[in-house]
Amino acid sequence: MCKGEIVIAERRCINLYSDMNPWMDLVILVNDEDFDKSKEVAEKAFDDFWNDSKVEEECWAYGDWIEWKLKEANIKYEMYFRRKVVL
């Protein structure tokens, strides 16, 4: 069996969530050099999700909307949706 090489990379993350809507909870992983711009774009996108008429007209999901805005800003990222598990 081949174990392969293990790579450990440090990355920063942004956790966007809503206190009023617990299903709205995602994590965005970005490189350090993109962190500040990513945070700014993601915060604005999350706020715009509630106010931009295009969201409702085109039936955007919040994750897709934020993803589109990050791509528009040429930011490399990985996005994961969090799921709360109750034991």
Protein backbone atom coordinates (compact mmCIF):
# COMPACT_ATOMS: atom_id res chain seq x y z
CA MET A 1 0.00 0.00 0.00
CA CYS A 2 1.33 3.44 -0.95
CA LYS A 3 0.80 6.12 1.68
CA GLY A 4 1.70 9.05 -0.55
CA GLU A 5 3.00 12.35 0.68
CA ILE A 6 1.09 14.34 3.28
CA VAL A 7 0.88 18.06 2.66
CA ILE A 8 -0.17 20.49 5.36
CA ALA A 9 -1.11 23.96 4.20
CA GLU A 10 -2.25 26.74 6.47
CA ARG A 11 -5.17 28.74 5.17
CA ARG A 12 -7.48 31.31 6.63
CA CYS A 13 -11.22 30.94 6.60
CA ILE A 14 -14.28 33.15 6.63
CA ASN A 15 -17.42 31.81 8.31
CA LEU A 16 -20.59 33.47 7.03
CA TYR A 17 -23.74 32.66 8.93
CA SER A 18 -27.06 34.09 9.99
CA ASP A 19 -28.32 34.06 13.57
CA MET A 20 -31.89 34.26 12.27
CA ASN A 21 -31.49 31.55 9.61
CA PRO A 22 -29.39 28.66 11.00
CA TRP A 23 -29.38 26.91 7.61
CA MET A 24 -27.28 29.82 6.27
CA ASP A 25 -23.84 28.77 7.43
CA LEU A 26 -20.81 28.40 5.19
CA VAL A 27 -17.03 28.50 5.39
CA ILE A 28 -14.80 29.98 2.71
CA LEU A 29 -11.11 28.98 2.64
CA VAL A 30 -8.74 31.48 1.07
CA ASN A 31 -5.01 32.15 0.91
CA ASP A 32 -3.56 34.75 3.26
CA GLU A 33 -2.87 37.21 0.45
CA ASP A 34 -6.55 37.12 -0.59
CA PHE A 35 -8.05 37.19 2.89
CA ASP A 36 -8.88 40.89 3.32
CA LYS A 37 -10.33 41.24 -0.17
CA SER A 38 -12.25 37.96 0.23
CA LYS A 39 -13.74 39.09 3.53
CA GLU A 40 -14.82 42.40 2.02
CA VAL A 41 -16.37 40.77 -1.07
CA ALA A 42 -18.11 38.03 0.94
CA GLU A 43 -19.57 40.48 3.49
CA LYS A 44 -20.88 42.75 0.75
CA ALA A 45 -22.29 39.79 -1.19
CA PHE A 46 -24.06 38.48 1.92
CA ASP A 47 -25.58 41.91 2.57
CA ASP A 48 -26.49 42.38 -1.11
CA PHE A 49 -28.18 38.99 -1.15
CA TRP A 50 -31.03 40.55 0.86
CA ASN A 51 -31.24 43.80 -1.11
CA ASP A 52 -30.35 43.19 -4.76
CA SER A 53 -33.48 42.67 -6.89
CA LYS A 54 -31.45 40.40 -9.22
CA VAL A 55 -31.31 37.77 -6.45
CA GLU A 56 -35.07 37.35 -6.36
CA GLU A 57 -35.64 37.86 -10.08
CA GLU A 58 -33.13 35.17 -11.01
CA CYS A 59 -33.76 32.90 -7.98
CA TRP A 60 -30.20 32.92 -6.65
CA ALA A 61 -29.31 30.74 -3.66
CA TYR A 62 -27.13 32.57 -1.13
CA GLY A 63 -24.12 30.27 -1.62
CA ASP A 64 -24.27 30.62 -5.40
CA TRP A 65 -24.57 34.40 -5.08
CA ILE A 66 -21.51 34.67 -2.83
CA GLU A 67 -19.59 32.26 -5.05
CA TRP A 68 -20.41 34.35 -8.13
CA LYS A 69 -19.20 37.53 -6.40
CA LEU A 70 -15.93 35.88 -5.34
CA LYS A 71 -15.34 34.66 -8.91
CA GLU A 72 -16.16 38.13 -10.23
CA ALA A 73 -13.42 39.52 -7.95
CA ASN A 74 -10.95 36.87 -9.23
CA ILE A 75 -10.51 35.32 -5.79
CA LYS A 76 -9.43 31.69 -5.51
CA TYR A 77 -11.34 29.91 -2.75
CA GLU A 78 -12.97 26.74 -1.55
CA MET A 79 -16.46 26.89 -0.07
CA TYR A 80 -18.05 24.43 2.32
CA PHE A 81 -21.54 24.46 3.75
CA ARG A 82 -21.66 23.69 7.45
CA ARG A 83 -24.14 21.28 8.88
CA LYS A 84 -24.89 21.25 12.55
CA VAL A 85 -25.14 17.79 14.02
CA VAL A 86 -27.17 17.26 17.17
CA LEU A 87 -26.33 14.14 19.13
